[in-house]
Amino acid sequence: MTLIDKQTVDFAKSKGTFIRLTQQANGITYFKQILVFGPKKNTVLLNRIYPETSKNIEAEIKASLLSTTYNESQTDSPLDAIKFSINLEGSGFKFAKYMTGSLIYTADGQIPTDKRSLIVGNSDSTIPCMFWSNCRIL
């Protein structure tokens, strides 16, 4: 990635960093706009990616990024967001994080960790399995 520019911006009642980059992939130049901010004990990264051919809407993309709202006190239940269930009784795994439709469990419930971990995601297609000719994960 190549840095175009970086600036400090007011965001979510504090300061954030707005970064513009370019990146080549498969012969296409992409532009990236990234907003980084950090409420209390974590860092949030919001990312917009678009091809160079859409550079004419760059200002609108930046405006949409900066108009994002962040509710630090929002309480979401990751287990309500998934379409599957998993029984980890007796496994020793503890829920650590929900990310992009998947649940991440670790032995200590922390991310990052140097302990064993398990990532569980949804698949609604038939896939070849190691021990059976075909299986369906629901």
C-alpha atoms as a PDB file:
ATOM      1  CA  MET A   1       0.000   0.000   0.000  1.00  0.00           C
ATOM      2  CA  THR A   2       1.115   3.534  -0.678  1.00  0.00           C
ATOM      3  CA  LEU A   3       0.226   6.352   1.695  1.00  0.00           C
ATOM      4  CA  ILE A   4      -1.411   9.368   0.023  1.00  0.00           C
ATOM      5  CA  ASP A   5      -2.000  11.362   3.188  1.00  0.00           C
ATOM      6  CA  LYS A   6      -2.926  11.135   6.855  1.00  0.00           C
ATOM      7  CA  GLN A   7      -4.691  13.675   9.039  1.00  0.00           C
ATOM      8  CA  THR A   8      -6.158  14.047  12.516  1.00  0.00           C
ATOM      9  CA  VAL A   9      -9.939  14.514  12.505  1.00  0.00           C
ATOM     10  CA  ASP A  10     -12.651  15.121  15.085  1.00  0.00           C
ATOM     11  CA  PHE A  11     -14.737  11.975  15.407  1.00  0.00           C
ATOM     12  CA  ALA A  12     -17.078  10.526  18.045  1.00  0.00           C
ATOM     13  CA  LYS A  13     -16.348  13.302  20.553  1.00  0.00           C
ATOM     14  CA  SER A  14     -12.608  12.667  20.361  1.00  0.00           C
ATOM     15  CA  LYS A  15      -9.771  12.617  17.847  1.00  0.00           C
ATOM     16  CA  GLY A  16      -9.298  10.052  15.117  1.00  0.00           C
ATOM     17  CA  THR A  17      -6.910   9.493  12.240  1.00  0.00           C
ATOM     18  CA  PHE A  18      -8.097   9.627   8.632  1.00  0.00           C
ATOM     19  CA  ILE A  19      -5.779   7.830   6.177  1.00  0.00           C
ATOM     20  CA  ARG A  20      -5.864   7.667   2.374  1.00  0.00           C
ATOM     21  CA  LEU A  21      -3.936   4.923   0.555  1.00  0.00           C
ATOM     22  CA  THR A  22      -3.637   3.256  -2.810  1.00  0.00           C
ATOM     23  CA  GLN A  23      -3.090  -0.436  -3.419  1.00  0.00           C
ATOM     24  CA  GLN A  24      -2.559  -2.529  -6.527  1.00  0.00           C
ATOM     25  CA  ALA A  25      -4.394  -5.848  -6.857  1.00  0.00           C
ATOM     26  CA  ASN A  26      -4.772  -7.930 -10.011  1.00  0.00           C
ATOM     27  CA  GLY A  27      -3.674  -5.026 -12.210  1.00  0.00           C
ATOM     28  CA  ILE A  28      -6.222  -2.610 -10.727  1.00  0.00           C
ATOM     29  CA  THR A  29      -5.454   0.399  -8.565  1.00  0.00           C
ATOM     30  CA  TYR A  30      -7.701   0.688  -5.540  1.00  0.00           C
ATOM     31  CA  PHE A  31      -8.088   3.635  -3.221  1.00  0.00           C
ATOM     32  CA  LYS A  32      -8.640   3.135   0.492  1.00  0.00           C
ATOM     33  CA  GLN A  33      -9.956   5.538   3.067  1.00  0.00           C
ATOM     34  CA  ILE A  34      -9.479   4.418   6.650  1.00  0.00           C
ATOM     35  CA  LEU A  35     -10.768   6.037   9.822  1.00  0.00           C
ATOM     36  CA  VAL A  36      -9.053   4.902  13.021  1.00  0.00           C
ATOM     37  CA  PHE A  37     -10.298   5.925  16.446  1.00  0.00           C
ATOM     38  CA  GLY A  38     -10.152   4.504  19.909  1.00  0.00           C
ATOM     39  CA  PRO A  39     -12.777   4.787  22.576  1.00  0.00           C
ATOM     40  CA  LYS A  40     -11.443   3.922  26.037  1.00  0.00           C
ATOM     41  CA  LYS A  41      -9.808   0.479  25.765  1.00  0.00           C
ATOM     42  CA  ASN A  42     -10.040  -0.592  22.115  1.00  0.00           C
ATOM     43  CA  THR A  43      -9.313   0.650  18.608  1.00  0.00           C
ATOM     44  CA  VAL A  44     -11.889   0.799  15.824  1.00  0.00           C
ATOM     45  CA  LEU A  45     -10.887   0.793  12.166  1.00  0.00           C
ATOM     46  CA  LEU A  46     -13.439   1.702   9.472  1.00  0.00           C
ATOM     47  CA  ASN A  47     -12.344   1.014   5.916  1.00  0.00           C
ATOM     48  CA  ARG A  48     -13.719   2.059   2.503  1.00  0.00           C
ATOM     49  CA  ILE A  49     -12.218   0.572  -0.656  1.00  0.00           C
ATOM     50  CA  TYR A  50     -13.030   1.584  -4.224  1.00  0.00           C
ATOM     51  CA  PRO A  51     -11.374   1.241  -7.641  1.00  0.00           C
ATOM     52  CA  GLU A  52      -9.497   4.152  -9.188  1.00  0.00           C
ATOM     53  CA  THR A  53     -12.267   4.353 -11.804  1.00  0.00           C
ATOM     54  CA  SER A  54     -14.593   5.560  -9.007  1.00  0.00           C
ATOM     55  CA  LYS A  55     -12.226   8.269  -7.793  1.00  0.00           C
ATOM     56  CA  ASN A  56     -14.809  10.893  -8.791  1.00  0.00           C
ATOM     57  CA  ILE A  57     -16.940   9.938  -5.752  1.00  0.00           C
ATOM     58  CA  GLU A  58     -14.022  10.158  -3.311  1.00  0.00           C
ATOM     59  CA  ALA A  59     -15.524  13.134  -1.432  1.00  0.00           C
ATOM     60  CA  GLU A  60     -18.848  11.334  -0.978  1.00  0.00           C
ATOM     61  CA  ILE A  61     -17.080   8.234   0.307  1.00  0.00           C
ATOM     62  CA  LYS A  62     -15.136  10.318   2.837  1.00  0.00           C
ATOM     63  CA  ALA A  63     -18.335  12.064   3.948  1.00  0.00           C
ATOM     64  CA  SER A  64     -20.073   8.710   4.467  1.00  0.00           C
ATOM     65  CA  LEU A  65     -17.125   7.418   6.466  1.00  0.00           C
ATOM     66  CA  LEU A  66     -17.024  10.481   8.699  1.00  0.00           C
ATOM     67  CA  SER A  67     -20.813  10.384   9.193  1.00  0.00           C
ATOM     68  CA  THR A  68     -20.631   6.940  10.778  1.00  0.00           C
ATOM     69  CA  THR A  69     -21.980   6.867  14.302  1.00  0.00           C
ATOM     70  CA  TYR A  70     -20.402   4.933  17.122  1.00  0.00           C
ATOM     71  CA  ASN A  71     -22.345   3.954  20.207  1.00  0.00           C
ATOM     72  CA  GLU A  72     -19.830   2.862  22.810  1.00  0.00           C
ATOM     73  CA  SER A  73     -22.563   1.661  25.165  1.00  0.00           C
ATOM     74  CA  GLN A  74     -24.350  -0.477  22.566  1.00  0.00           C
ATOM     75  CA  THR A  75     -24.816  -4.012  23.806  1.00  0.00           C
ATOM     76  CA  ASP A  76     -25.074  -6.552  21.036  1.00  0.00           C
ATOM     77  CA  SER A  77     -25.427 -10.256  21.566  1.00  0.00           C
ATOM     78  CA  PRO A  78     -23.157 -12.054  19.089  1.00  0.00           C
ATOM     79  CA  LEU A  79     -25.048 -15.285  19.663  1.00  0.00           C
ATOM     80  CA  ASP A  80     -28.207 -13.573  18.365  1.00  0.00           C
ATOM     81  CA  ALA A  81     -26.420 -12.666  15.121  1.00  0.00           C
ATOM     82  CA  ILE A  82     -25.543 -16.205  14.053  1.00  0.00           C
ATOM     83  CA  LYS A  83     -27.701 -18.851  12.385  1.00  0.00           C
ATOM     84  CA  PHE A  84     -26.180 -21.857  14.110  1.00  0.00           C
ATOM     85  CA  SER A  85     -25.414 -23.145  17.566  1.00  0.00           C
ATOM     86  CA  ILE A  86     -22.475 -24.974  19.062  1.00  0.00           C
ATOM     87  CA  ASN A  87     -22.230 -26.987  22.247  1.00  0.00           C
ATOM     88  CA  LEU A  88     -18.852 -26.440  23.890  1.00  0.00           C
ATOM     89  CA  GLU A  89     -19.759 -28.104  27.166  1.00  0.00           C
ATOM     90  CA  GLY A  90     -16.668 -29.678  28.682  1.00  0.00           C
ATOM     91  CA  SER A  91     -14.365 -28.279  25.960  1.00  0.00           C
ATOM     92  CA  GLY A  92     -12.754 -25.631  28.129  1.00  0.00           C
ATOM     93  CA  PHE A  93     -13.321 -23.006  25.431  1.00  0.00           C
ATOM     94  CA  LYS A  94     -14.672 -19.582  26.378  1.00  0.00           C
ATOM     95  CA  PHE A  95     -16.293 -17.083  24.044  1.00  0.00           C
ATOM     96  CA  ALA A  96     -13.740 -14.442  23.010  1.00  0.00           C
ATOM     97  CA  LYS A  97     -15.083 -12.535  20.006  1.00  0.00           C
ATOM     98  CA  TYR A  98     -17.626 -12.338  17.195  1.00  0.00           C
ATOM     99  CA  MET A  99     -16.083 -11.443  13.857  1.00  0.00           C
ATOM    100  CA  THR A 100     -17.641 -11.389  10.392  1.00  0.00           C
ATOM    101  CA  GLY A 101     -20.282 -14.017  11.055  1.00  0.00           C
ATOM    102  CA  SER A 102     -17.962 -16.291  13.016  1.00  0.00           C
ATOM    103  CA  LEU A 103     -17.512 -16.994  16.682  1.00  0.00           C
ATOM    104  CA  ILE A 104     -14.036 -17.154  18.149  1.00  0.00           C
ATOM    105  CA  TYR A 105     -13.457 -19.173  21.291  1.00  0.00           C
ATOM    106  CA  THR A 106     -10.192 -19.448  23.190  1.00  0.00           C
ATOM    107  CA  ALA A 107      -9.082 -21.372  26.250  1.00  0.00           C
ATOM    108  CA  ASP A 108      -8.768 -18.128  28.226  1.00  0.00           C
ATOM    109  CA  GLY A 109     -11.552 -16.094  26.536  1.00  0.00           C
ATOM    110  CA  GLN A 110      -9.010 -13.490  25.370  1.00  0.00           C
ATOM    111  CA  ILE A 111      -7.980 -12.133  21.958  1.00  0.00           C
ATOM    112  CA  PRO A 112      -5.069 -12.163  21.284  1.00  0.00           C
ATOM    113  CA  THR A 113      -4.063 -15.292  23.102  1.00  0.00           C
ATOM    114  CA  ASP A 114      -1.267 -17.824  23.101  1.00  0.00           C
ATOM    115  CA  LYS A 115      -3.737 -20.503  24.201  1.00  0.00           C
ATOM    116  CA  ARG A 116      -5.636 -22.874  21.946  1.00  0.00           C
ATOM    117  CA  SER A 117      -8.503 -21.380  19.938  1.00  0.00           C
ATOM    118  CA  LEU A 118     -11.511 -22.420  17.896  1.00  0.00           C
ATOM    119  CA  ILE A 119     -13.181 -20.413  15.120  1.00  0.00           C
ATOM    120  CA  VAL A 120     -16.701 -21.477  14.153  1.00  0.00           C
ATOM    121  CA  GLY A 121     -18.561 -20.049  11.157  1.00  0.00           C
ATOM    122  CA  ASN A 122     -21.677 -20.783   9.165  1.00  0.00           C
ATOM    123  CA  SER A 123     -21.755 -22.851   5.998  1.00  0.00           C
ATOM    124  CA  ASP A 124     -24.937 -23.767   4.212  1.00  0.00           C
ATOM    125  CA  SER A 125     -23.407 -25.692   1.368  1.00  0.00           C
ATOM    126  CA  THR A 126     -22.377 -29.288   0.949  1.00  0.00           C
ATOM    127  CA  ILE A 127     -18.663 -29.634   1.504  1.00  0.00           C
ATOM    128  CA  PRO A 128     -16.297 -32.577   1.308  1.00  0.00           C
ATOM    129  CA  CYS A 129     -15.342 -33.749   4.782  1.00  0.00           C
ATOM    130  CA  MET A 130     -12.274 -35.550   5.943  1.00  0.00           C
ATOM    131  CA  PHE A 131     -14.038 -38.674   7.213  1.00  0.00           C
ATOM    132  CA  TRP A 132     -17.215 -38.788   5.133  1.00  0.00           C
ATOM    133  CA  SER A 133     -17.728 -38.445   1.427  1.00  0.00           C
ATOM    134  CA  ASN A 134     -20.077 -35.496   1.911  1.00  0.00           C
ATOM    135  CA  CYS A 135     -21.493 -33.752   4.948  1.00  0.00           C
ATOM    136  CA  ARG A 136     -23.681 -30.784   5.579  1.00  0.00           C
ATOM    137  CA  ILE A 137     -22.921 -28.293   8.335  1.00  0.00           C
ATOM    138  CA  LEU A 138     -26.003 -26.503   9.556  1.00  0.00           C
END
